Amino acid sequence: MEYVRSEVCQELAHDVPTAPIAAPMMVHEYTIQLQTYHDEIVGRLKFKRADSTVEESALCSLGELQNLIAVWQDDRLLGSFAIGARLALNASFKLEMK
């Protein structure tokens, strides 16, 4: 099967502006907030952005939290949490019980 671009698509492809990609914000401190949910320990990650807004992940199991932290450090985090922010390898954390 052969794909052919229309003339309009070819013209638009040349007119797309390219913006420089900004370096991710480095997170050096974050919080692990633990709580119980239906008799299971679950938690979420929280951190403060440069503009002082606090961002929180969804509630996760402890295993999922561990995985979330690992992929965040590797800058492989996909989804709606920590967009544009990377966890520093030497980041410190606080543990909170809710």
N, C-alpha and C. Protein backbone atom coordinates (compact mmCIF):
# COMPACT_ATOMS: atom_id res chain seq x y z
N MET A 1 0.85 -1.17 0.00
CA MET A 1 0.00 0.00 0.00
C MET A 1 0.90 1.24 0.00
N GLU A 2 0.56 2.18 -0.82
CA GLU A 2 1.35 3.39 -0.94
C GLU A 2 0.55 4.58 -0.43
N TYR A 3 1.21 5.40 0.37
CA TYR A 3 0.56 6.59 0.91
C TYR A 3 1.05 7.81 0.16
N VAL A 4 0.12 8.66 -0.25
CA VAL A 4 0.45 9.87 -0.99
C VAL A 4 -0.06 11.06 -0.20
N ARG A 5 0.82 12.02 0.07
CA ARG A 5 0.40 13.25 0.76
C ARG A 5 -0.27 14.19 -0.23
N SER A 6 -1.30 14.82 0.21
CA SER A 6 -1.94 15.81 -0.65
C SER A 6 -1.04 17.04 -0.73
N GLU A 7 -1.27 17.88 -1.68
CA GLU A 7 -0.47 19.10 -1.84
C GLU A 7 -0.63 20.00 -0.62
N VAL A 8 -1.83 20.05 -0.03
CA VAL A 8 -2.06 20.88 1.14
C VAL A 8 -1.23 20.37 2.30
N CYS A 9 -1.22 19.06 2.51
CA CYS A 9 -0.42 18.48 3.60
C CYS A 9 1.07 18.75 3.39
N GLN A 10 1.53 18.66 2.16
CA GLN A 10 2.94 18.91 1.90
C GLN A 10 3.30 20.36 2.20
N GLU A 11 2.41 21.30 1.85
CA GLU A 11 2.68 22.71 2.13
C GLU A 11 2.66 22.97 3.63
N LEU A 12 1.70 22.39 4.35
CA LEU A 12 1.61 22.59 5.79
C LEU A 12 2.82 22.00 6.51
N ALA A 13 3.33 20.90 6.02
CA ALA A 13 4.47 20.25 6.67
C ALA A 13 5.69 21.16 6.68
N HIS A 14 5.81 22.02 5.69
CA HIS A 14 6.97 22.92 5.62
C HIS A 14 6.78 24.18 6.46
N ASP A 15 5.53 24.48 6.84
CA ASP A 15 5.24 25.71 7.57
C ASP A 15 5.11 25.53 9.08
N VAL A 16 5.41 24.33 9.58
CA VAL A 16 5.27 24.08 11.01
C VAL A 16 6.45 24.70 11.75
N PRO A 17 6.18 25.65 12.65
CA PRO A 17 7.28 26.26 13.39
C PRO A 17 7.84 25.27 14.42
N THR A 18 9.12 25.32 14.61
CA THR A 18 9.74 24.46 15.61
C THR A 18 10.26 25.32 16.74
N ALA A 19 9.84 25.01 17.94
CA ALA A 19 10.27 25.74 19.12
C ALA A 19 11.35 24.93 19.82
N PRO A 20 12.29 25.60 20.45
CA PRO A 20 13.30 24.85 21.18
C PRO A 20 12.66 24.08 22.32
N ILE A 21 13.17 22.89 22.57
CA ILE A 21 12.64 22.07 23.65
C ILE A 21 13.32 22.49 24.94
N ALA A 22 12.50 22.87 25.92
CA ALA A 22 13.03 23.34 27.20
C ALA A 22 13.53 22.15 28.01
N ALA A 23 14.58 22.39 28.78
CA ALA A 23 15.08 21.36 29.68
C ALA A 23 14.05 21.10 30.76
N PRO A 24 13.92 19.84 31.20
CA PRO A 24 12.92 19.56 32.23
C PRO A 24 13.30 20.20 33.56
N MET A 25 12.29 20.54 34.33
CA MET A 25 12.52 21.04 35.68
C MET A 25 13.02 19.87 36.52
N MET A 26 14.07 20.08 37.29
CA MET A 26 14.60 19.02 38.15
C MET A 26 13.94 19.11 39.52
N VAL A 27 13.42 18.00 40.00
CA VAL A 27 12.78 17.92 41.31
C VAL A 27 13.80 17.34 42.29
N HIS A 28 14.14 18.11 43.33
CA HIS A 28 15.14 17.68 44.29
C HIS A 28 14.52 17.23 45.61
N GLU A 29 13.26 17.58 45.84
CA GLU A 29 12.55 17.18 47.05
C GLU A 29 11.12 16.80 46.69
N TYR A 30 10.66 15.69 47.25
CA TYR A 30 9.28 15.29 47.03
C TYR A 30 8.76 14.61 48.29
N THR A 31 7.47 14.34 48.31
CA THR A 31 6.83 13.73 49.47
C THR A 31 6.13 12.45 49.04
N ILE A 32 6.26 11.42 49.86
CA ILE A 32 5.48 10.20 49.69
C ILE A 32 4.41 10.24 50.78
N GLN A 33 3.16 10.31 50.37
CA GLN A 33 2.05 10.39 51.33
C GLN A 33 1.35 9.03 51.35
N LEU A 34 1.36 8.37 52.52
CA LEU A 34 0.76 7.05 52.66
C LEU A 34 -0.57 7.13 53.40
N GLN A 35 -1.47 6.24 53.07
CA GLN A 35 -2.74 6.14 53.75
C GLN A 35 -3.29 4.74 53.55
N THR A 36 -4.35 4.39 54.24
CA THR A 36 -4.99 3.10 54.02
C THR A 36 -6.25 3.30 53.19
N TYR A 37 -6.51 2.35 52.35
CA TYR A 37 -7.69 2.36 51.49
C TYR A 37 -8.19 0.92 51.42
N HIS A 38 -9.35 0.67 51.97
CA HIS A 38 -9.91 -0.69 52.05
C HIS A 38 -8.90 -1.65 52.67
N ASP A 39 -8.31 -1.25 53.78
CA ASP A 39 -7.34 -2.05 54.54
C ASP A 39 -6.04 -2.34 53.79
N GLU A 40 -5.74 -1.59 52.77
CA GLU A 40 -4.48 -1.74 52.04
C GLU A 40 -3.72 -0.41 52.13
N ILE A 41 -2.39 -0.50 52.27
CA ILE A 41 -1.58 0.72 52.29
C ILE A 41 -1.35 1.17 50.86
N VAL A 42 -1.73 2.40 50.59
CA VAL A 42 -1.54 3.02 49.27
C VAL A 42 -0.87 4.37 49.49
N GLY A 43 -0.43 4.97 48.42
CA GLY A 43 0.21 6.27 48.57
C GLY A 43 0.20 7.06 47.29
N ARG A 44 0.72 8.27 47.42
CA ARG A 44 0.85 9.15 46.27
C ARG A 44 2.13 9.95 46.41
N LEU A 45 2.64 10.43 45.29
CA LEU A 45 3.81 11.30 45.27
C LEU A 45 3.35 12.73 45.13
N LYS A 46 4.04 13.63 45.80
CA LYS A 46 3.74 15.06 45.72
C LYS A 46 5.05 15.83 45.60
N PHE A 47 5.01 16.90 44.84
CA PHE A 47 6.17 17.80 44.77
C PHE A 47 5.69 19.20 44.46
N LYS A 48 6.54 20.17 44.73
CA LYS A 48 6.21 21.57 44.49
C LYS A 48 6.94 22.04 43.24
N ARG A 49 6.20 22.61 42.32
CA ARG A 49 6.79 23.16 41.09
C ARG A 49 7.45 24.49 41.38
N ALA A 50 8.17 25.00 40.41
CA ALA A 50 8.89 26.26 40.56
C ALA A 50 7.95 27.42 40.87
N ASP A 51 6.71 27.34 40.38
CA ASP A 51 5.74 28.41 40.64
C ASP A 51 4.97 28.19 41.94
N SER A 52 5.43 27.28 42.78
CA SER A 52 4.88 26.94 44.11
C SER A 52 3.58 26.15 44.07
N THR A 53 3.12 25.74 42.91
CA THR A 53 1.95 24.86 42.88
C THR A 53 2.39 23.45 43.25
N VAL A 54 1.52 22.75 43.96
CA VAL A 54 1.82 21.38 44.38
C VAL A 54 1.15 20.41 43.40
N GLU A 55 1.91 19.45 42.93
CA GLU A 55 1.38 18.44 42.02
C GLU A 55 1.37 17.10 42.73
N GLU A 56 0.29 16.35 42.55
CA GLU A 56 0.12 15.05 43.20
C GLU A 56 -0.17 13.97 42.16
N SER A 57 0.36 12.78 42.41
CA SER A 57 0.01 11.64 41.57
C SER A 57 -1.31 11.06 42.06
N ALA A 58 -1.83 10.12 41.34
CA ALA A 58 -3.00 9.37 41.78
C ALA A 58 -2.58 8.42 42.90
N LEU A 59 -3.56 7.88 43.62
CA LEU A 59 -3.25 6.88 44.64
C LEU A 59 -2.76 5.61 43.96
N CYS A 60 -1.68 5.03 44.50
CA CYS A 60 -1.07 3.85 43.92
C CYS A 60 -0.73 2.84 45.02
N SER A 61 -0.58 1.59 44.64
CA SER A 61 -0.07 0.60 45.58
C SER A 61 1.41 0.89 45.84
N LEU A 62 1.98 0.27 46.85
CA LEU A 62 3.40 0.51 47.15
C LEU A 62 4.30 0.07 45.99
N GLY A 63 3.97 -1.03 45.35
CA GLY A 63 4.74 -1.48 44.19
C GLY A 63 4.67 -0.50 43.04
N GLU A 64 3.47 0.04 42.81
CA GLU A 64 3.31 1.03 41.74
C GLU A 64 4.07 2.31 42.06
N LEU A 65 4.10 2.71 43.34
CA LEU A 65 4.86 3.90 43.74
C LEU A 65 6.34 3.70 43.45
N GLN A 66 6.85 2.53 43.79
CA GLN A 66 8.27 2.22 43.54
C GLN A 66 8.58 2.31 42.05
N ASN A 67 7.71 1.76 41.22
CA ASN A 67 7.89 1.82 39.77
C ASN A 67 7.79 3.26 39.27
N LEU A 68 6.85 4.02 39.80
CA LEU A 68 6.66 5.41 39.41
C LEU A 68 7.92 6.23 39.68
N ILE A 69 8.53 6.01 40.84
CA ILE A 69 9.76 6.73 41.19
C ILE A 69 10.89 6.34 40.24
N ALA A 70 11.02 5.06 39.93
CA ALA A 70 12.09 4.59 39.04
C ALA A 70 11.97 5.19 37.65
N VAL A 71 10.77 5.16 37.07
CA VAL A 71 10.64 5.71 35.72
C VAL A 71 10.71 7.23 35.71
N TRP A 72 10.34 7.88 36.83
CA TRP A 72 10.47 9.34 36.93
C TRP A 72 11.94 9.72 36.93
N GLN A 73 12.77 8.98 37.63
CA GLN A 73 14.22 9.27 37.65
C GLN A 73 14.83 9.07 36.27
N ASP A 74 14.35 8.08 35.54
CA ASP A 74 14.88 7.79 34.20
C ASP A 74 14.31 8.69 33.12
N ASP A 75 13.42 9.62 33.50
CA ASP A 75 12.76 10.53 32.56
C ASP A 75 11.96 9.76 31.52
N ARG A 76 11.33 8.67 31.94
CA ARG A 76 10.49 7.86 31.06
C ARG A 76 9.04 7.90 31.50
N LEU A 77 8.70 8.86 32.35
CA LEU A 77 7.36 8.95 32.91
C LEU A 77 6.39 9.48 31.87
N LEU A 78 5.32 8.75 31.64
CA LEU A 78 4.29 9.16 30.69
C LEU A 78 2.98 9.32 31.45
N GLY A 79 2.13 10.14 31.01
CA GLY A 79 0.85 10.33 31.67
C GLY A 79 0.68 11.77 32.11
N SER A 80 -0.18 11.97 33.08
CA SER A 80 -0.52 13.33 33.47
C SER A 80 0.24 13.83 34.69
N PHE A 81 1.08 13.00 35.30
CA PHE A 81 1.81 13.42 36.49
C PHE A 81 3.23 13.87 36.11
N ALA A 82 3.65 14.98 36.68
CA ALA A 82 5.02 15.49 36.56
C ALA A 82 5.44 15.79 35.12
N ILE A 83 4.54 16.30 34.33
CA ILE A 83 4.87 16.65 32.95
C ILE A 83 5.91 17.77 32.97
N GLY A 84 7.01 17.57 32.27
CA GLY A 84 8.06 18.58 32.21
C GLY A 84 8.94 18.62 33.44
N ALA A 85 8.83 17.63 34.32
CA ALA A 85 9.65 17.59 35.54
C ALA A 85 10.35 16.24 35.64
N ARG A 86 11.60 16.26 36.01
CA ARG A 86 12.39 15.04 36.15
C ARG A 86 12.89 14.94 37.58
N LEU A 87 12.85 13.74 38.13
CA LEU A 87 13.31 13.51 39.49
C LEU A 87 14.82 13.38 39.50
N ALA A 88 15.49 14.23 40.27
CA ALA A 88 16.95 14.18 40.37
C ALA A 88 17.38 12.86 41.04
N LEU A 89 18.51 12.32 40.62
CA LEU A 89 18.99 11.06 41.18
C LEU A 89 19.29 11.18 42.67
N ASN A 90 19.68 12.37 43.11
CA ASN A 90 20.01 12.58 44.53
C ASN A 90 18.86 13.26 45.29
N ALA A 91 17.64 13.12 44.78
CA ALA A 91 16.48 13.77 45.41
C ALA A 91 16.20 13.18 46.79
N SER A 92 15.73 14.02 47.67
CA SER A 92 15.35 13.57 49.01
C SER A 92 13.82 13.58 49.10
N PHE A 93 13.28 12.83 50.08
CA PHE A 93 11.84 12.79 50.22
C PHE A 93 11.45 12.79 51.69
N LYS A 94 10.20 13.22 51.91
CA LYS A 94 9.59 13.17 53.23
C LYS A 94 8.50 12.10 53.16
N LEU A 95 8.28 11.45 54.27
CA LEU A 95 7.23 10.46 54.35
C LEU A 95 6.12 11.02 55.24
N GLU A 96 4.89 11.06 54.72
CA GLU A 96 3.74 11.60 55.45
C GLU A 96 2.71 10.50 55.58
N MET A 97 2.06 10.44 56.73
CA MET A 97 0.94 9.53 56.94
C MET A 97 -0.33 10.36 56.97
N LYS A 98 -1.31 9.98 56.19
CA LYS A 98 -2.55 10.75 56.12
C LYS A 98 -3.61 10.06 56.96
